Amino acid sequence: QVQLVESGGGLVQPGGSLRLSCAVSGFTFSSASMSWFRQAPGNERAWVASITTTGSTNYDASMNGRFMISRDNAKNTEYLQMNSLKPEDTAVYYCNVRWAGRGYWGQGTQVTVSS
């Protein structure tokens, strides 16, 4: 049974940083590309970043180098380091994997950027 569990969200002031984690189980993590998405109130879920099995990364251009995706195969965990956070980064952040022909999502973690 594939499970994805996000953590690390919270309330942060503009300009601050957070590191999100996604702990996974139920599939061979080292053999799967992983992604982060986010969904702001009233908006559709949007892709943020992805990391391949070899560690190659891709980001939505609007992140402007502020976010960094990474993975630790020994811990079956992917991360999203978010720096220079802005109020418009406020959203529920989800990790995602596509495995055996279907997509899986975690429950999401809320990130709120506000003074």
Protein backbone atom coordinates (compact mmCIF):
# COMPACT_ATOMS: atom_id res chain seq x y z
CA GLN A 1 0.00 0.00 0.00
CA VAL A 2 1.53 3.25 -1.17
CA GLN A 3 1.58 5.96 1.49
CA LEU A 4 2.92 9.50 1.35
CA VAL A 5 3.02 11.59 4.53
CA GLU A 6 3.96 15.25 4.37
CA SER A 7 5.16 17.29 7.33
CA GLY A 8 6.95 20.53 8.10
CA GLY A 9 4.33 23.10 7.19
CA GLY A 10 3.33 25.98 9.41
CA LEU A 11 3.09 29.72 9.79
CA VAL A 12 6.13 31.74 8.72
CA GLN A 13 6.79 35.43 8.18
CA PRO A 14 7.55 36.81 4.72
CA GLY A 15 11.21 36.23 3.92
CA GLY A 16 11.38 33.17 6.14
CA SER A 17 12.16 29.56 5.34
CA LEU A 18 10.57 26.17 5.81
CA ARG A 19 11.60 22.63 4.93
CA LEU A 20 8.86 20.21 4.01
CA SER A 21 9.31 16.46 4.21
CA CYS A 22 7.46 13.61 2.55
CA ALA A 23 7.99 10.17 4.05
CA VAL A 24 6.95 7.34 1.77
CA SER A 25 6.26 3.62 2.00
CA GLY A 26 4.74 0.85 -0.08
CA PHE A 27 6.96 1.17 -3.15
CA THR A 28 10.61 1.26 -4.13
CA PHE A 29 11.38 4.90 -3.43
CA SER A 30 14.79 4.88 -5.09
CA SER A 31 13.16 3.78 -8.37
CA ALA A 32 10.57 6.55 -8.50
CA SER A 33 10.65 10.16 -9.58
CA MET A 34 8.96 12.39 -7.02
CA SER A 35 7.21 15.72 -7.19
CA TRP A 36 5.76 18.52 -5.08
CA PHE A 37 2.54 20.34 -5.92
CA ARG A 38 0.66 23.09 -4.14
CA GLN A 39 -2.89 24.34 -4.02
CA ALA A 40 -3.75 27.84 -2.92
CA PRO A 41 -7.32 28.75 -1.85
CA GLY A 42 -9.55 29.06 -4.90
CA ASN A 43 -6.87 27.76 -7.26
CA GLU A 44 -6.19 24.47 -8.94
CA ARG A 45 -3.38 22.23 -7.73
CA ALA A 46 -0.16 23.32 -9.44
CA TRP A 47 3.18 21.63 -10.01
CA VAL A 48 6.13 23.04 -8.04
CA ALA A 49 9.13 20.78 -8.59
CA SER A 50 10.26 17.26 -9.45
CA ILE A 51 13.30 15.10 -8.82
CA THR A 52 14.29 12.02 -10.80
CA THR A 53 15.80 8.79 -9.55
CA THR A 54 19.25 10.12 -10.43
CA GLY A 55 18.70 13.40 -8.60
CA SER A 56 18.02 15.64 -11.58
CA THR A 57 15.64 18.43 -10.65
CA ASN A 58 13.12 20.65 -12.37
CA TYR A 59 11.18 23.61 -11.03
CA ASP A 60 8.30 25.80 -12.01
CA ALA A 61 9.91 28.97 -13.27
CA SER A 62 7.95 31.11 -10.84
CA MET A 63 9.94 29.64 -7.95
CA ASN A 64 12.85 31.84 -9.15
CA GLY A 65 15.46 29.73 -7.41
CA ARG A 66 13.88 30.06 -3.98
CA PHE A 67 12.90 26.40 -3.63
CA MET A 68 15.07 23.29 -3.67
CA ILE A 69 13.83 19.72 -3.97
CA SER A 70 15.94 16.85 -2.70
CA ARG A 71 15.68 13.23 -1.68
CA ASP A 72 17.25 10.80 0.76
CA ASN A 73 16.83 7.26 -0.56
CA ALA A 74 18.13 5.76 2.69
CA LYS A 75 15.27 7.43 4.56
CA ASN A 76 12.61 7.02 1.86
CA THR A 77 11.99 10.74 2.13
CA GLU A 78 11.84 13.69 -0.22
CA TYR A 79 12.20 17.30 0.84
CA LEU A 80 11.30 20.77 -0.31
CA GLN A 81 13.45 23.56 1.08
CA MET A 82 11.62 26.86 0.68
CA ASN A 83 13.47 30.15 1.16
CA SER A 84 12.52 33.81 0.84
CA LEU A 85 8.89 32.89 1.28
CA LYS A 86 6.20 35.27 0.08
CA PRO A 87 2.51 35.58 1.01
CA GLU A 88 1.64 34.18 -2.42
CA ASP A 89 3.40 30.94 -1.45
CA THR A 90 0.57 30.28 1.00
CA ALA A 91 -0.97 26.96 0.01
CA VAL A 92 -1.38 23.32 0.91
CA TYR A 93 1.69 21.48 -0.32
CA TYR A 94 1.39 17.90 -1.55
CA CYS A 95 3.96 15.30 -2.51
CA ASN A 96 3.21 13.05 -5.44
CA VAL A 97 4.48 9.89 -7.04
CA ARG A 98 3.43 7.98 -10.09
CA TRP A 99 3.92 4.24 -9.50
CA ALA A 100 2.68 1.17 -11.34
CA GLY A 101 0.55 3.24 -13.66
CA ARG A 102 -1.26 5.44 -11.18
CA GLY A 103 -0.64 8.59 -9.21
CA TYR A 104 -0.58 8.87 -5.46
CA TRP A 105 -0.89 11.90 -3.19
CA GLY A 106 -0.20 12.64 0.42
CA GLN A 107 -2.70 14.40 2.66
CA GLY A 108 -0.92 17.73 2.28
CA THR A 109 0.70 20.16 4.69
CA GLN A 110 -0.42 23.76 5.12
CA VAL A 111 2.08 26.55 4.57
CA THR A 112 0.97 30.04 5.57
CA VAL A 113 3.19 33.04 4.89
CA SER A 114 1.98 36.05 6.82
CA SER A 115 3.20 38.78 9.12
